[in-house]
Amino acid sequence: QVQLVENGGGLVQPGGSLRLSCVASGSFVALNTMAWYRQAPGKERELVASIGSDGSTNYADSMRGRFTISRDNAKNSVYLQMNSLKSEDTAVYYCNADLIAYYSRSTLELWGQGTLVTVSS
């Protein structure tokens, strides 16, 4: 069984920082694009940032310049450094990964359980 486990969420004041991590484990051949999404109560899930296997990155406009996505292929991990946090950043943040399953060799898209980030004074 392949799974993604996020960590690092919590309560932070406006202007503060948090670093989220996500680790993939299980039977897979390779991790391709990895990404972070977020979903606030009553709103649709939206892309925060993504990073390809080659290290290329993509950011949503509202996060560009404040958030940084990175990955460590040796550890099958992806990270999201969040700086200058605003109240509107409050949401559940989800890790996402495209991967190739070990047994079927088919491409799969997986989601983590999510980690809550609350930005409030």
N, C-alpha and C. Protein backbone atom coordinates (compact mmCIF):
# COMPACT_ATOMS: atom_id res chain seq x y z
N GLN A 1 0.84 -1.18 0.00
CA GLN A 1 0.00 0.00 0.00
C GLN A 1 0.88 1.24 0.00
N VAL A 2 0.56 2.17 -0.86
CA VAL A 2 1.29 3.41 -0.96
C VAL A 2 0.51 4.50 -0.23
N GLN A 3 1.20 5.31 0.52
CA GLN A 3 0.53 6.39 1.20
C GLN A 3 1.41 7.62 1.32
N LEU A 4 0.77 8.76 1.49
CA LEU A 4 1.44 10.03 1.72
C LEU A 4 1.06 10.51 3.10
N VAL A 5 2.04 10.92 3.87
CA VAL A 5 1.80 11.39 5.22
C VAL A 5 2.35 12.80 5.37
N GLU A 6 1.47 13.75 5.68
CA GLU A 6 1.87 15.14 5.87
C GLU A 6 2.12 15.44 7.35
N ASN A 7 2.91 16.46 7.59
CA ASN A 7 3.15 16.93 8.94
C ASN A 7 3.58 18.39 8.89
N GLY A 8 3.49 19.05 10.01
CA GLY A 8 4.00 20.41 10.12
C GLY A 8 2.96 21.50 10.28
N GLY A 9 1.69 21.16 10.17
CA GLY A 9 0.65 22.16 10.33
C GLY A 9 0.53 22.61 11.77
N GLY A 10 -0.21 23.69 11.97
CA GLY A 10 -0.40 24.21 13.30
C GLY A 10 -0.93 25.62 13.29
N LEU A 11 -0.90 26.25 14.45
CA LEU A 11 -1.35 27.62 14.61
C LEU A 11 -0.17 28.58 14.53
N VAL A 12 -0.32 29.61 13.72
CA VAL A 12 0.74 30.60 13.57
C VAL A 12 0.12 31.99 13.42
N GLN A 13 0.82 33.00 13.90
CA GLN A 13 0.34 34.37 13.80
C GLN A 13 0.58 34.92 12.40
N PRO A 14 -0.22 35.90 11.99
CA PRO A 14 0.02 36.53 10.69
C PRO A 14 1.46 37.03 10.59
N GLY A 15 2.07 36.78 9.44
CA GLY A 15 3.45 37.14 9.24
C GLY A 15 4.43 36.06 9.63
N GLY A 16 3.94 35.02 10.27
CA GLY A 16 4.78 33.94 10.71
C GLY A 16 5.09 32.94 9.61
N SER A 17 5.79 31.87 9.99
CA SER A 17 6.22 30.86 9.04
C SER A 17 5.93 29.46 9.54
N LEU A 18 5.75 28.55 8.60
CA LEU A 18 5.60 27.13 8.88
C LEU A 18 6.26 26.35 7.76
N ARG A 19 6.72 25.15 8.08
CA ARG A 19 7.28 24.27 7.07
C ARG A 19 6.54 22.94 7.11
N LEU A 20 5.90 22.61 6.02
CA LEU A 20 5.17 21.36 5.90
C LEU A 20 6.03 20.31 5.23
N SER A 21 5.83 19.07 5.61
CA SER A 21 6.56 17.97 4.99
C SER A 21 5.58 16.87 4.60
N CYS A 22 5.97 16.11 3.61
CA CYS A 22 5.17 14.99 3.14
C CYS A 22 6.10 13.88 2.71
N VAL A 23 5.86 12.69 3.21
CA VAL A 23 6.70 11.55 2.90
C VAL A 23 5.87 10.45 2.24
N ALA A 24 6.34 9.94 1.12
CA ALA A 24 5.68 8.84 0.44
C ALA A 24 6.32 7.53 0.86
N SER A 25 5.49 6.53 1.11
CA SER A 25 5.99 5.22 1.49
C SER A 25 5.15 4.13 0.84
N GLY A 26 5.73 2.95 0.68
CA GLY A 26 5.02 1.84 0.09
C GLY A 26 5.67 1.33 -1.17
N SER A 27 4.93 0.55 -1.94
CA SER A 27 5.45 -0.08 -3.14
C SER A 27 5.18 0.77 -4.38
N PHE A 28 6.16 1.52 -4.78
CA PHE A 28 6.07 2.31 -6.00
C PHE A 28 7.42 2.32 -6.70
N VAL A 29 7.36 2.52 -7.98
CA VAL A 29 8.58 2.53 -8.78
C VAL A 29 9.22 3.91 -8.80
N ALA A 30 8.39 4.92 -8.94
CA ALA A 30 8.92 6.28 -9.03
C ALA A 30 7.86 7.29 -8.64
N LEU A 31 8.33 8.40 -8.12
CA LEU A 31 7.48 9.55 -7.86
C LEU A 31 7.70 10.57 -8.96
N ASN A 32 6.63 11.00 -9.56
CA ASN A 32 6.75 12.00 -10.61
C ASN A 32 6.47 13.38 -10.00
N THR A 33 5.49 14.07 -10.52
CA THR A 33 5.17 15.38 -9.97
C THR A 33 4.58 15.25 -8.58
N MET A 34 5.04 16.10 -7.68
CA MET A 34 4.49 16.20 -6.34
C MET A 34 3.97 17.62 -6.15
N ALA A 35 2.97 17.76 -5.31
CA ALA A 35 2.34 19.07 -5.18
C ALA A 35 1.70 19.25 -3.82
N TRP A 36 1.41 20.50 -3.52
CA TRP A 36 0.63 20.86 -2.35
C TRP A 36 -0.64 21.57 -2.80
N TYR A 37 -1.75 21.16 -2.24
CA TYR A 37 -3.03 21.81 -2.45
C TYR A 37 -3.56 22.26 -1.10
N ARG A 38 -4.56 23.11 -1.12
CA ARG A 38 -5.19 23.51 0.13
C ARG A 38 -6.68 23.70 -0.08
N GLN A 39 -7.42 23.56 1.01
CA GLN A 39 -8.86 23.73 0.96
C GLN A 39 -9.35 24.38 2.25
N ALA A 40 -9.94 25.54 2.10
CA ALA A 40 -10.53 26.24 3.22
C ALA A 40 -11.99 25.82 3.36
N PRO A 41 -12.57 25.95 4.54
CA PRO A 41 -13.98 25.57 4.73
C PRO A 41 -14.90 26.29 3.75
N GLY A 42 -15.74 25.53 3.07
CA GLY A 42 -16.69 26.10 2.14
C GLY A 42 -16.10 26.50 0.80
N LYS A 43 -14.84 26.22 0.57
CA LYS A 43 -14.19 26.59 -0.68
C LYS A 43 -13.66 25.36 -1.40
N GLU A 44 -13.39 25.54 -2.68
CA GLU A 44 -12.85 24.45 -3.48
C GLU A 44 -11.37 24.25 -3.20
N ARG A 45 -10.92 23.03 -3.38
CA ARG A 45 -9.51 22.74 -3.23
C ARG A 45 -8.73 23.43 -4.35
N GLU A 46 -7.62 24.04 -4.01
CA GLU A 46 -6.83 24.77 -4.99
C GLU A 46 -5.36 24.38 -4.93
N LEU A 47 -4.71 24.48 -6.05
CA LEU A 47 -3.29 24.20 -6.12
C LEU A 47 -2.50 25.31 -5.44
N VAL A 48 -1.54 24.92 -4.63
CA VAL A 48 -0.62 25.85 -4.00
C VAL A 48 0.68 25.91 -4.80
N ALA A 49 1.29 24.76 -4.99
CA ALA A 49 2.54 24.66 -5.73
C ALA A 49 2.78 23.23 -6.14
N SER A 50 3.55 23.06 -7.18
CA SER A 50 3.92 21.73 -7.63
C SER A 50 5.39 21.71 -8.01
N ILE A 51 5.95 20.51 -8.01
CA ILE A 51 7.36 20.35 -8.38
C ILE A 51 7.53 19.05 -9.13
N GLY A 52 8.17 19.13 -10.28
CA GLY A 52 8.39 17.95 -11.09
C GLY A 52 9.57 17.14 -10.62
N SER A 53 9.73 15.98 -11.21
CA SER A 53 10.85 15.12 -10.85
C SER A 53 12.19 15.75 -11.20
N ASP A 54 12.19 16.68 -12.14
CA ASP A 54 13.40 17.39 -12.53
C ASP A 54 13.65 18.63 -11.68
N GLY A 55 12.77 18.90 -10.73
CA GLY A 55 12.93 20.06 -9.87
C GLY A 55 12.23 21.31 -10.34
N SER A 56 11.60 21.28 -11.48
CA SER A 56 10.88 22.44 -11.98
C SER A 56 9.67 22.71 -11.10
N THR A 57 9.38 23.99 -10.86
CA THR A 57 8.32 24.36 -9.93
C THR A 57 7.25 25.21 -10.59
N ASN A 58 6.08 25.19 -9.97
CA ASN A 58 4.96 25.99 -10.40
C ASN A 58 4.22 26.45 -9.16
N TYR A 59 3.86 27.75 -9.13
CA TYR A 59 3.17 28.32 -7.97
C TYR A 59 1.91 29.04 -8.38
N ALA A 60 0.92 28.97 -7.51
CA ALA A 60 -0.25 29.81 -7.69
C ALA A 60 0.18 31.25 -7.43
N ASP A 61 -0.44 32.20 -8.12
CA ASP A 61 -0.02 33.59 -8.04
C ASP A 61 -0.01 34.14 -6.62
N SER A 62 -1.01 33.79 -5.83
CA SER A 62 -1.11 34.33 -4.48
C SER A 62 -0.04 33.79 -3.53
N MET A 63 0.59 32.70 -3.90
CA MET A 63 1.62 32.09 -3.08
C MET A 63 3.04 32.37 -3.55
N ARG A 64 3.16 32.77 -4.80
CA ARG A 64 4.48 33.02 -5.37
C ARG A 64 5.21 34.13 -4.61
N GLY A 65 6.45 33.85 -4.24
CA GLY A 65 7.24 34.81 -3.49
C GLY A 65 7.17 34.62 -2.00
N ARG A 66 6.15 33.95 -1.50
CA ARG A 66 6.00 33.68 -0.08
C ARG A 66 6.24 32.22 0.27
N PHE A 67 5.82 31.34 -0.63
CA PHE A 67 5.96 29.90 -0.40
C PHE A 67 7.04 29.33 -1.31
N THR A 68 7.71 28.30 -0.81
CA THR A 68 8.72 27.62 -1.59
C THR A 68 8.53 26.11 -1.47
N ILE A 69 8.40 25.46 -2.61
CA ILE A 69 8.27 24.01 -2.63
C ILE A 69 9.62 23.39 -2.99
N SER A 70 9.93 22.28 -2.36
CA SER A 70 11.18 21.58 -2.64
C SER A 70 10.96 20.09 -2.44
N ARG A 71 11.89 19.29 -2.90
CA ARG A 71 11.78 17.85 -2.73
C ARG A 71 13.13 17.23 -2.48
N ASP A 72 13.10 16.08 -1.83
CA ASP A 72 14.29 15.29 -1.58
C ASP A 72 13.99 13.90 -2.12
N ASN A 73 14.48 13.62 -3.30
CA ASN A 73 14.17 12.35 -3.95
C ASN A 73 14.70 11.14 -3.18
N ALA A 74 15.82 11.31 -2.51
CA ALA A 74 16.39 10.21 -1.74
C ALA A 74 15.49 9.82 -0.57
N LYS A 75 14.73 10.79 -0.07
CA LYS A 75 13.84 10.54 1.06
C LYS A 75 12.37 10.44 0.65
N ASN A 76 12.11 10.49 -0.66
CA ASN A 76 10.74 10.44 -1.17
C ASN A 76 9.85 11.46 -0.48
N SER A 77 10.38 12.66 -0.36
CA SER A 77 9.69 13.70 0.40
C SER A 77 9.54 14.98 -0.39
N VAL A 78 8.52 15.72 -0.03
CA VAL A 78 8.30 17.05 -0.59
C VAL A 78 7.99 17.99 0.57
N TYR A 79 8.43 19.24 0.44
CA TYR A 79 8.29 20.20 1.52
C TYR A 79 7.66 21.48 1.00
N LEU A 80 7.05 22.20 1.91
CA LEU A 80 6.50 23.51 1.59
C LEU A 80 6.88 24.47 2.69
N GLN A 81 7.75 25.41 2.37
CA GLN A 81 8.13 26.46 3.31
C GLN A 81 7.19 27.63 3.10
N MET A 82 6.47 28.00 4.13
CA MET A 82 5.48 29.07 4.04
C MET A 82 5.92 30.24 4.91
N ASN A 83 6.13 31.38 4.28
CA ASN A 83 6.53 32.59 4.97
C ASN A 83 5.49 33.68 4.78
N SER A 84 5.57 34.70 5.62
CA SER A 84 4.65 35.84 5.53
C SER A 84 3.20 35.39 5.45
N LEU A 85 2.84 34.50 6.33
CA LEU A 85 1.50 33.92 6.30
C LEU A 85 0.42 34.94 6.61
N LYS A 86 -0.70 34.79 5.92
CA LYS A 86 -1.85 35.66 6.07
C LYS A 86 -3.04 34.84 6.55
N SER A 87 -4.03 35.53 7.09
CA SER A 87 -5.21 34.83 7.58
C SER A 87 -5.90 34.04 6.47
N GLU A 88 -5.83 34.54 5.25
CA GLU A 88 -6.46 33.85 4.13
C GLU A 88 -5.72 32.58 3.71
N ASP A 89 -4.56 32.34 4.32
CA ASP A 89 -3.84 31.10 4.07
C ASP A 89 -4.37 29.96 4.93
N THR A 90 -5.26 30.26 5.85
CA THR A 90 -5.83 29.25 6.72
C THR A 90 -6.59 28.22 5.89
N ALA A 91 -6.20 26.96 6.03
CA ALA A 91 -6.80 25.88 5.26
C ALA A 91 -6.20 24.55 5.68
N VAL A 92 -6.80 23.49 5.19
CA VAL A 92 -6.18 22.18 5.30
C VAL A 92 -5.29 22.01 4.08
N TYR A 93 -4.05 21.70 4.31
CA TYR A 93 -3.09 21.54 3.23
C TYR A 93 -2.87 20.06 2.95
N TYR A 94 -2.98 19.70 1.68
CA TYR A 94 -2.88 18.31 1.26
C TYR A 94 -1.67 18.08 0.36
N CYS A 95 -0.99 17.00 0.61
CA CYS A 95 0.09 16.57 -0.26
C CYS A 95 -0.49 15.73 -1.39
N ASN A 96 0.06 15.89 -2.57
CA ASN A 96 -0.40 15.15 -3.74
C ASN A 96 0.81 14.63 -4.50
N ALA A 97 0.68 13.43 -5.05
CA ALA A 97 1.78 12.87 -5.82
C ALA A 97 1.29 12.00 -6.95
N ASP A 98 1.92 12.14 -8.10
CA ASP A 98 1.73 11.22 -9.21
C ASP A 98 2.86 10.20 -9.12
N LEU A 99 2.51 8.93 -9.15
CA LEU A 99 3.52 7.90 -9.01
C LEU A 99 3.21 6.70 -9.88
N ILE A 100 4.20 5.84 -10.01
CA ILE A 100 4.04 4.59 -10.75
C ILE A 100 4.02 3.46 -9.74
N ALA A 101 2.92 2.74 -9.68
CA ALA A 101 2.77 1.65 -8.72
C ALA A 101 3.71 0.50 -9.06
N TYR A 102 4.17 -0.19 -8.03
CA TYR A 102 5.15 -1.26 -8.22
C TYR A 102 4.59 -2.46 -8.98
N TYR A 103 3.44 -2.96 -8.55
CA TYR A 103 2.92 -4.19 -9.14
C TYR A 103 2.25 -3.99 -10.49
N SER A 104 1.40 -3.02 -10.61
CA SER A 104 0.67 -2.81 -11.85
C SER A 104 1.44 -1.97 -12.86
N ARG A 105 2.40 -1.21 -12.39
CA ARG A 105 3.17 -0.27 -13.21
C ARG A 105 2.27 0.78 -13.85
N SER A 106 1.14 0.99 -13.25
CA SER A 106 0.23 2.01 -13.71
C SER A 106 0.49 3.31 -12.95
N THR A 107 0.11 4.42 -13.56
CA THR A 107 0.27 5.70 -12.91
C THR A 107 -0.92 5.96 -11.99
N LEU A 108 -0.62 6.44 -10.81
CA LEU A 108 -1.64 6.72 -9.81
C LEU A 108 -1.46 8.12 -9.26
N GLU A 109 -2.55 8.69 -8.82
CA GLU A 109 -2.51 9.97 -8.13
C GLU A 109 -2.97 9.74 -6.70
N LEU A 110 -2.14 10.09 -5.74
CA LEU A 110 -2.44 9.89 -4.34
C LEU A 110 -2.56 11.21 -3.59
N TRP A 111 -3.35 11.17 -2.55
CA TRP A 111 -3.54 12.32 -1.67
C TRP A 111 -3.22 11.93 -0.23
N GLY A 112 -2.62 12.85 0.48
CA GLY A 112 -2.41 12.66 1.90
C GLY A 112 -3.68 12.99 2.66
N GLN A 113 -3.66 12.79 3.96
CA GLN A 113 -4.83 13.04 4.79
C GLN A 113 -5.05 14.52 5.08
N GLY A 114 -4.03 15.31 4.90
CA GLY A 114 -4.14 16.74 5.13
C GLY A 114 -3.61 17.15 6.49
N THR A 115 -3.11 18.37 6.55
CA THR A 115 -2.65 18.94 7.81
C THR A 115 -3.19 20.37 7.90
N LEU A 116 -3.75 20.72 9.05
CA LEU A 116 -4.41 22.00 9.21
C LEU A 116 -3.43 23.11 9.54
N VAL A 117 -3.53 24.19 8.78
CA VAL A 117 -2.76 25.40 9.04
C VAL A 117 -3.74 26.50 9.40
N THR A 118 -3.57 27.07 10.58
CA THR A 118 -4.43 28.16 11.03
C THR A 118 -3.59 29.39 11.27
N VAL A 119 -3.91 30.46 10.56
CA VAL A 119 -3.19 31.72 10.69
C VAL A 119 -4.12 32.71 11.40
N SER A 120 -3.80 33.03 12.63
CA SER A 120 -4.66 33.89 13.42
C SER A 120 -3.87 34.52 14.56
N SER A 121 -4.26 35.73 14.91
CA SER A 121 -3.66 36.42 16.04
C SER A 121 -4.48 36.23 17.30
